[in-house]
Amino acid sequence: MVAPVPELFRDVARQKIAGKVGQLALERNDISISQETLIQGYIMATPKRDHKFLRKKLREKKINITPYEKYFKYSPEDYQNKKYAAKTHNNNH
């Protein structure tokens, strides 16, 4: 799913996504990474300008994006802001 990212930046994109997914899994004390955690982390690590493409890719993969709509509201910079992070984390549980 990082194919549209210019090749030069793909490793950085993978690292950002993996970092966010790992962070979410640790916060939830997950034993393994669920599809939900993976998708949420992917959305949260993706710049807002690329959300349209990400929505399209998720649909192509037959993934219902309705449960994830709340994560598309913010950019990665917003998630670094504790107010937004707490808000989205509390909405999950």
C-alpha atoms as a PDB file:
ATOM      1  CA  MET A   1       0.000   0.000   0.000  1.00  0.00           C
ATOM      2  CA  VAL A   2       3.010   2.289  -0.009  1.00  0.00           C
ATOM      3  CA  ALA A   3       3.310   1.874  -3.812  1.00  0.00           C
ATOM      4  CA  PRO A   4       2.061   5.423  -4.589  1.00  0.00           C
ATOM      5  CA  VAL A   5       4.765   6.875  -2.357  1.00  0.00           C
ATOM      6  CA  PRO A   6       7.825   7.863  -4.400  1.00  0.00           C
ATOM      7  CA  GLU A   7      10.374   5.062  -4.127  1.00  0.00           C
ATOM      8  CA  LEU A   8      12.877   7.299  -2.372  1.00  0.00           C
ATOM      9  CA  PHE A   9      10.451   7.790   0.557  1.00  0.00           C
ATOM     10  CA  ARG A  10       8.889   4.304   0.812  1.00  0.00           C
ATOM     11  CA  ASP A  11      11.196   3.094   3.579  1.00  0.00           C
ATOM     12  CA  VAL A  12      10.386   6.172   5.647  1.00  0.00           C
ATOM     13  CA  ALA A  13       6.653   5.643   5.027  1.00  0.00           C
ATOM     14  CA  ARG A  14       6.907   1.983   6.082  1.00  0.00           C
ATOM     15  CA  GLN A  15       8.792   2.949   9.239  1.00  0.00           C
ATOM     16  CA  LYS A  16       6.242   5.616  10.194  1.00  0.00           C
ATOM     17  CA  ILE A  17       3.350   3.221   9.646  1.00  0.00           C
ATOM     18  CA  ALA A  18       5.049   0.374  11.508  1.00  0.00           C
ATOM     19  CA  GLY A  19       5.914   2.725  14.371  1.00  0.00           C
ATOM     20  CA  LYS A  20       2.325   3.946  14.737  1.00  0.00           C
ATOM     21  CA  VAL A  21       0.910   0.400  14.513  1.00  0.00           C
ATOM     22  CA  GLY A  22       3.406  -0.798  17.121  1.00  0.00           C
ATOM     23  CA  GLN A  23       2.599   2.131  19.405  1.00  0.00           C
ATOM     24  CA  LEU A  24      -1.132   1.382  19.212  1.00  0.00           C
ATOM     25  CA  ALA A  25      -0.567  -2.326  19.877  1.00  0.00           C
ATOM     26  CA  LEU A  26       1.551  -1.537  22.947  1.00  0.00           C
ATOM     27  CA  GLU A  27      -0.990   0.968  24.275  1.00  0.00           C
ATOM     28  CA  ARG A  28      -3.700  -1.687  23.961  1.00  0.00           C
ATOM     29  CA  ASN A  29      -1.512  -4.450  25.394  1.00  0.00           C
ATOM     30  CA  ASP A  30      -2.234  -6.500  22.267  1.00  0.00           C
ATOM     31  CA  ILE A  31      -0.585  -9.912  22.073  1.00  0.00           C
ATOM     32  CA  SER A  32      -0.773  -9.760  18.288  1.00  0.00           C
ATOM     33  CA  ILE A  33      -1.591  -6.998  15.828  1.00  0.00           C
ATOM     34  CA  SER A  34      -5.189  -7.090  14.684  1.00  0.00           C
ATOM     35  CA  GLN A  35      -6.454  -5.848  11.342  1.00  0.00           C
ATOM     36  CA  GLU A  36      -8.206  -3.042  13.220  1.00  0.00           C
ATOM     37  CA  THR A  37      -4.958  -1.885  14.842  1.00  0.00           C
ATOM     38  CA  LEU A  38      -3.115  -2.152  11.528  1.00  0.00           C
ATOM     39  CA  ILE A  39      -5.671  -0.070   9.644  1.00  0.00           C
ATOM     40  CA  GLN A  40      -5.986   2.518  12.405  1.00  0.00           C
ATOM     41  CA  GLY A  41      -2.199   2.899  12.570  1.00  0.00           C
ATOM     42  CA  TYR A  42      -1.959   3.170   8.810  1.00  0.00           C
ATOM     43  CA  ILE A  43      -4.560   5.948   8.746  1.00  0.00           C
ATOM     44  CA  MET A  44      -2.977   7.786  11.667  1.00  0.00           C
ATOM     45  CA  ALA A  45       0.483   7.664  10.072  1.00  0.00           C
ATOM     46  CA  THR A  46      -0.744   8.829   6.663  1.00  0.00           C
ATOM     47  CA  PRO A  47      -0.686  12.567   5.907  1.00  0.00           C
ATOM     48  CA  LYS A  48      -4.181  14.009   5.531  1.00  0.00           C
ATOM     49  CA  ARG A  49      -3.496  14.974   1.917  1.00  0.00           C
ATOM     50  CA  ASP A  50      -3.184  11.251   1.094  1.00  0.00           C
ATOM     51  CA  HIS A  51      -6.364  10.110   2.849  1.00  0.00           C
ATOM     52  CA  LYS A  52      -8.382  10.130  -0.378  1.00  0.00           C
ATOM     53  CA  PHE A  53      -5.993   7.640  -1.947  1.00  0.00           C
ATOM     54  CA  LEU A  54      -5.913   5.548   1.229  1.00  0.00           C
ATOM     55  CA  ARG A  55      -9.724   5.344   1.288  1.00  0.00           C
ATOM     56  CA  LYS A  56      -9.663   4.152  -2.316  1.00  0.00           C
ATOM     57  CA  LYS A  57      -7.051   1.471  -1.555  1.00  0.00           C
ATOM     58  CA  LEU A  58      -8.988   0.192   1.455  1.00  0.00           C
ATOM     59  CA  ARG A  59     -12.153  -0.056  -0.656  1.00  0.00           C
ATOM     60  CA  GLU A  60     -10.245  -1.907  -3.390  1.00  0.00           C
ATOM     61  CA  LYS A  61      -9.165  -4.407  -0.742  1.00  0.00           C
ATOM     62  CA  LYS A  62     -12.844  -4.818   0.272  1.00  0.00           C
ATOM     63  CA  ILE A  63     -12.278  -3.265   3.700  1.00  0.00           C
ATOM     64  CA  ASN A  64     -15.255  -1.428   5.172  1.00  0.00           C
ATOM     65  CA  ILE A  65     -13.913   1.980   6.173  1.00  0.00           C
ATOM     66  CA  THR A  66     -16.981   3.037   8.176  1.00  0.00           C
ATOM     67  CA  PRO A  67     -15.511   1.956  11.557  1.00  0.00           C
ATOM     68  CA  TYR A  68     -12.351   3.943  10.777  1.00  0.00           C
ATOM     69  CA  GLU A  69     -13.921   7.232   9.663  1.00  0.00           C
ATOM     70  CA  LYS A  70     -13.066   8.956  12.950  1.00  0.00           C
ATOM     71  CA  TYR A  71      -9.342   8.438  12.282  1.00  0.00           C
ATOM     72  CA  PHE A  72      -9.513  10.224   8.936  1.00  0.00           C
ATOM     73  CA  LYS A  73     -10.481  13.468  10.691  1.00  0.00           C
ATOM     74  CA  TYR A  74      -6.958  14.271  11.815  1.00  0.00           C
ATOM     75  CA  SER A  75      -3.481  14.453  10.355  1.00  0.00           C
ATOM     76  CA  PRO A  76      -0.445  12.705  11.891  1.00  0.00           C
ATOM     77  CA  GLU A  77       0.535  16.036  13.451  1.00  0.00           C
ATOM     78  CA  ASP A  78      -2.807  16.117  15.273  1.00  0.00           C
ATOM     79  CA  TYR A  79      -2.167  12.673  16.742  1.00  0.00           C
ATOM     80  CA  GLN A  80       1.089  13.926  18.211  1.00  0.00           C
ATOM     81  CA  ASN A  81      -0.972  16.499  20.084  1.00  0.00           C
ATOM     82  CA  LYS A  82      -1.962  14.878  23.388  1.00  0.00           C
ATOM     83  CA  LYS A  83      -5.481  16.336  23.262  1.00  0.00           C
ATOM     84  CA  TYR A  84      -6.246  14.570  19.975  1.00  0.00           C
ATOM     85  CA  ALA A  85      -4.448  11.388  20.997  1.00  0.00           C
ATOM     86  CA  ALA A  86      -6.481  11.134  24.199  1.00  0.00           C
ATOM     87  CA  LYS A  87      -9.682  11.887  22.331  1.00  0.00           C
ATOM     88  CA  THR A  88      -9.153   9.136  19.731  1.00  0.00           C
ATOM     89  CA  HIS A  89      -7.831   6.651  22.297  1.00  0.00           C
ATOM     90  CA  ASN A  90     -10.862   7.176  24.543  1.00  0.00           C
ATOM     91  CA  ASN A  91     -13.235   6.742  21.601  1.00  0.00           C
ATOM     92  CA  ASN A  92     -11.739   3.303  21.041  1.00  0.00           C
ATOM     93  CA  HIS A  93     -12.437   1.912  24.478  1.00  0.00           C
END
